[in-house]
PDB file of N, CA and C in Angstrom:
ATOM      1  N   UNK A   1     -44.242  18.389 -43.198  1.00  0.00           N
ATOM      2  CA  UNK A   1     -43.953  17.817 -42.108  1.00  0.00           C
ATOM      3  C   UNK A   1     -45.082  16.842 -41.745  1.00  0.00           C
ATOM      4  N   UNK A   2     -44.750  15.692 -41.416  1.00  0.00           N
ATOM      5  CA  UNK A   2     -45.803  14.671 -41.088  1.00  0.00           C
ATOM      6  C   UNK A   2     -45.654  14.368 -39.684  1.00  0.00           C
ATOM      7  N   UNK A   3     -46.911  14.267 -38.931  1.00  0.00           N
ATOM      8  CA  UNK A   3     -46.852  13.829 -37.525  1.00  0.00           C
ATOM      9  C   UNK A   3     -47.397  12.459 -37.409  1.00  0.00           C
ATOM     10  N   UNK A   4     -46.808  11.859 -36.243  1.00  0.00           N
ATOM     11  CA  UNK A   4     -47.411  10.447 -36.160  1.00  0.00           C
ATOM     12  C   UNK A   4     -48.658  10.546 -35.149  1.00  0.00           C
ATOM     13  N   UNK A   5     -49.279   9.558 -35.038  1.00  0.00           N
ATOM     14  CA  UNK A   5     -50.567   9.536 -34.217  1.00  0.00           C
ATOM     15  C   UNK A   5     -50.099   9.786 -32.793  1.00  0.00           C
ATOM     16  N   UNK A   6     -48.974   9.442 -32.228  1.00  0.00           N
ATOM     17  CA  UNK A   6     -48.692   9.695 -30.901  1.00  0.00           C
ATOM     18  C   UNK A   6     -48.406  11.152 -30.844  1.00  0.00           C
ATOM     19  N   UNK A   7     -47.731  11.870 -31.921  1.00  0.00           N
ATOM     20  CA  UNK A   7     -47.438  13.253 -31.816  1.00  0.00           C
ATOM     21  C   UNK A   7     -48.692  14.100 -31.818  1.00  0.00           C
ATOM     22  N   UNK A   8     -49.767  13.639 -32.382  1.00  0.00           N
ATOM     23  CA  UNK A   8     -51.019  14.363 -32.427  1.00  0.00           C
ATOM     24  C   UNK A   8     -51.734  14.329 -31.037  1.00  0.00           C
ATOM     25  N   UNK A   9     -51.543  13.352 -30.276  1.00  0.00           N
ATOM     26  CA  UNK A   9     -52.217  13.085 -28.996  1.00  0.00           C
ATOM     27  C   UNK A   9     -52.083  14.245 -27.998  1.00  0.00           C
ATOM     28  N   UNK A  10     -50.825  14.704 -27.949  1.00  0.00           N
ATOM     29  CA  UNK A  10     -50.519  15.705 -26.884  1.00  0.00           C
ATOM     30  C   UNK A  10     -51.277  17.063 -27.269  1.00  0.00           C
ATOM     31  N   UNK A  11     -51.121  17.671 -28.369  1.00  0.00           N
ATOM     32  CA  UNK A  11     -51.951  18.851 -28.716  1.00  0.00           C
ATOM     33  C   UNK A  11     -53.458  18.639 -28.683  1.00  0.00           C
ATOM     34  N   UNK A  12     -53.854  17.485 -29.099  1.00  0.00           N
ATOM     35  CA  UNK A  12     -55.275  17.226 -29.099  1.00  0.00           C
ATOM     36  C   UNK A  12     -55.830  17.202 -27.716  1.00  0.00           C
ATOM     37  N   UNK A  13     -55.003  16.676 -26.777  1.00  0.00           N
ATOM     38  CA  UNK A  13     -55.404  16.655 -25.368  1.00  0.00           C
ATOM     39  C   UNK A  13     -55.303  18.144 -24.675  1.00  0.00           C
ATOM     40  N   UNK A  14     -54.373  18.871 -25.067  1.00  0.00           N
ATOM     41  CA  UNK A  14     -54.145  20.151 -24.504  1.00  0.00           C
ATOM     42  C   UNK A  14     -55.240  21.197 -24.998  1.00  0.00           C
ATOM     43  N   UNK A  15     -55.628  20.942 -26.275  1.00  0.00           N
ATOM     44  CA  UNK A  15     -56.593  21.860 -26.770  1.00  0.00           C
ATOM     45  C   UNK A  15     -57.863  21.176 -27.359  1.00  0.00           C
ATOM     46  N   UNK A  16     -58.410  20.344 -26.344  1.00  0.00           N
ATOM     47  CA  UNK A  16     -59.674  19.475 -26.699  1.00  0.00           C
ATOM     48  C   UNK A  16     -60.777  20.245 -27.123  1.00  0.00           C
ATOM     49  N   UNK A  17     -60.872  21.555 -26.664  1.00  0.00           N
ATOM     50  CA  UNK A  17     -62.105  22.370 -27.096  1.00  0.00           C
ATOM     51  C   UNK A  17     -61.757  23.262 -28.156  1.00  0.00           C
ATOM     52  N   UNK A  18     -60.494  23.276 -28.778  1.00  0.00           N
ATOM     53  CA  UNK A  18     -60.118  24.173 -29.736  1.00  0.00           C
ATOM     54  C   UNK A  18     -59.199  25.148 -29.214  1.00  0.00           C
ATOM     55  N   UNK A  19     -58.715  26.058 -30.023  1.00  0.00           N
ATOM     56  CA  UNK A  19     -57.711  27.080 -29.665  1.00  0.00           C
ATOM     57  C   UNK A  19     -58.309  28.469 -29.471  1.00  0.00           C
ATOM     58  N   UNK A  20     -59.226  28.724 -30.121  1.00  0.00           N
ATOM     59  CA  UNK A  20     -59.848  30.042 -29.973  1.00  0.00           C
ATOM     60  C   UNK A  20     -61.078  30.185 -29.316  1.00  0.00           C
ATOM     61  N   UNK A  21     -61.297  31.195 -28.452  1.00  0.00           N
ATOM     62  CA  UNK A  21     -62.570  31.338 -27.761  1.00  0.00           C
ATOM     63  C   UNK A  21     -63.236  32.546 -28.341  1.00  0.00           C
ATOM     64  N   UNK A  22     -64.053  32.543 -29.309  1.00  0.00           N
ATOM     65  CA  UNK A  22     -64.643  33.690 -30.060  1.00  0.00           C
ATOM     66  C   UNK A  22     -65.768  34.263 -29.185  1.00  0.00           C
ATOM     67  N   UNK A  23     -66.186  33.668 -28.205  1.00  0.00           N
ATOM     68  CA  UNK A  23     -67.267  34.246 -27.392  1.00  0.00           C
ATOM     69  C   UNK A  23     -66.783  35.337 -26.485  1.00  0.00           C
ATOM     70  N   UNK A  24     -65.369  35.337 -26.197  1.00  0.00           N
ATOM     71  CA  UNK A  24     -64.776  36.402 -25.373  1.00  0.00           C
ATOM     72  C   UNK A  24     -64.064  37.462 -26.184  1.00  0.00           C
ATOM     73  N   UNK A  25     -64.126  38.676 -25.707  1.00  0.00           N
ATOM     74  CA  UNK A  25     -63.337  39.721 -26.467  1.00  0.00           C
ATOM     75  C   UNK A  25     -61.798  39.480 -26.483  1.00  0.00           C
ATOM     76  N   UNK A  26     -61.207  40.072 -27.499  1.00  0.00           N
ATOM     77  CA  UNK A  26     -59.714  39.950 -27.444  1.00  0.00           C
ATOM     78  C   UNK A  26     -59.095  40.676 -26.358  1.00  0.00           C
ATOM     79  N   UNK A  27     -57.839  40.443 -26.163  1.00  0.00           N
ATOM     80  CA  UNK A  27     -57.111  41.036 -25.007  1.00  0.00           C
ATOM     81  C   UNK A  27     -56.883  42.515 -25.439  1.00  0.00           C
ATOM     82  N   UNK A  28     -57.422  43.387 -24.634  1.00  0.00           N
ATOM     83  CA  UNK A  28     -57.188  44.872 -24.839  1.00  0.00           C
ATOM     84  C   UNK A  28     -58.278  45.392 -25.892  1.00  0.00           C
ATOM     85  N   UNK A  29     -59.138  44.593 -26.303  1.00  0.00           N
ATOM     86  CA  UNK A  29     -60.216  44.997 -27.271  1.00  0.00           C
ATOM     87  C   UNK A  29     -61.237  45.832 -26.780  1.00  0.00           C
ATOM     88  N   UNK A  30     -61.423  47.021 -27.383  1.00  0.00           N
ATOM     89  CA  UNK A  30     -62.542  47.935 -26.961  1.00  0.00           C
ATOM     90  C   UNK A  30     -63.648  48.020 -27.876  1.00  0.00           C
ATOM     91  N   UNK A  31     -64.714  48.437 -27.340  1.00  0.00           N
ATOM     92  CA  UNK A  31     -65.964  48.588 -28.244  1.00  0.00           C
ATOM     93  C   UNK A  31     -65.741  49.603 -29.291  1.00  0.00           C
ATOM     94  N   UNK A  32     -66.727  49.702 -30.161  1.00  0.00           N
ATOM     95  CA  UNK A  32     -66.688  50.793 -31.184  1.00  0.00           C
ATOM     96  C   UNK A  32     -66.887  52.068 -30.688  1.00  0.00           C
ATOM     97  N   UNK A  33     -66.237  53.078 -31.158  1.00  0.00           N
ATOM     98  CA  UNK A  33     -66.541  54.524 -30.689  1.00  0.00           C
ATOM     99  C   UNK A  33     -67.690  55.136 -31.468  1.00  0.00           C
ATOM    100  N   UNK A  34     -67.953  54.496 -32.583  1.00  0.00           N
ATOM    101  CA  UNK A  34     -69.120  54.990 -33.442  1.00  0.00           C
ATOM    102  C   UNK A  34     -68.828  54.485 -34.878  1.00  0.00           C
ATOM    103  N   UNK A  35     -69.727  54.853 -35.688  1.00  0.00           N
ATOM    104  CA  UNK A  35     -69.515  54.474 -37.152  1.00  0.00           C
ATOM    105  C   UNK A  35     -69.618  55.710 -37.977  1.00  0.00           C
ATOM    106  N   UNK A  36     -68.877  55.777 -38.936  1.00  0.00           N
ATOM    107  CA  UNK A  36     -68.839  56.872 -39.904  1.00  0.00           C
ATOM    108  C   UNK A  36     -69.769  56.911 -40.955  1.00  0.00           C
ATOM    109  N   UNK A  37     -70.359  55.781 -41.411  1.00  0.00           N
ATOM    110  CA  UNK A  37     -71.051  55.597 -42.487  1.00  0.00           C
ATOM    111  C   UNK A  37     -72.656  55.554 -42.127  1.00  0.00           C
ATOM    112  N   UNK A  38     -73.443  56.296 -42.909  1.00  0.00           N
ATOM    113  CA  UNK A  38     -74.783  56.374 -42.826  1.00  0.00           C
ATOM    114  C   UNK A  38     -75.558  55.996 -44.094  1.00  0.00           C
ATOM    115  N   UNK A  39     -76.715  55.299 -43.928  1.00  0.00           N
ATOM    116  CA  UNK A  39     -77.513  55.003 -45.057  1.00  0.00           C
ATOM    117  C   UNK A  39     -78.839  55.644 -44.917  1.00  0.00           C
ATOM    118  N   UNK A  40     -79.168  56.696 -45.755  1.00  0.00           N
ATOM    119  CA  UNK A  40     -80.346  57.522 -45.587  1.00  0.00           C
ATOM    120  C   UNK A  40     -81.263  57.166 -46.642  1.00  0.00           C
TER     121      UNK A  40
END
């Protein structure tokens, strides 16, 4: 599927800073309860 320049303008304007915000935790995401692996 090919988009025209005009078709690209709308999503580019809506998501000018990108789609994913990796600095924030995911919805419902919890911290680790612990780790099972040790290196001695």
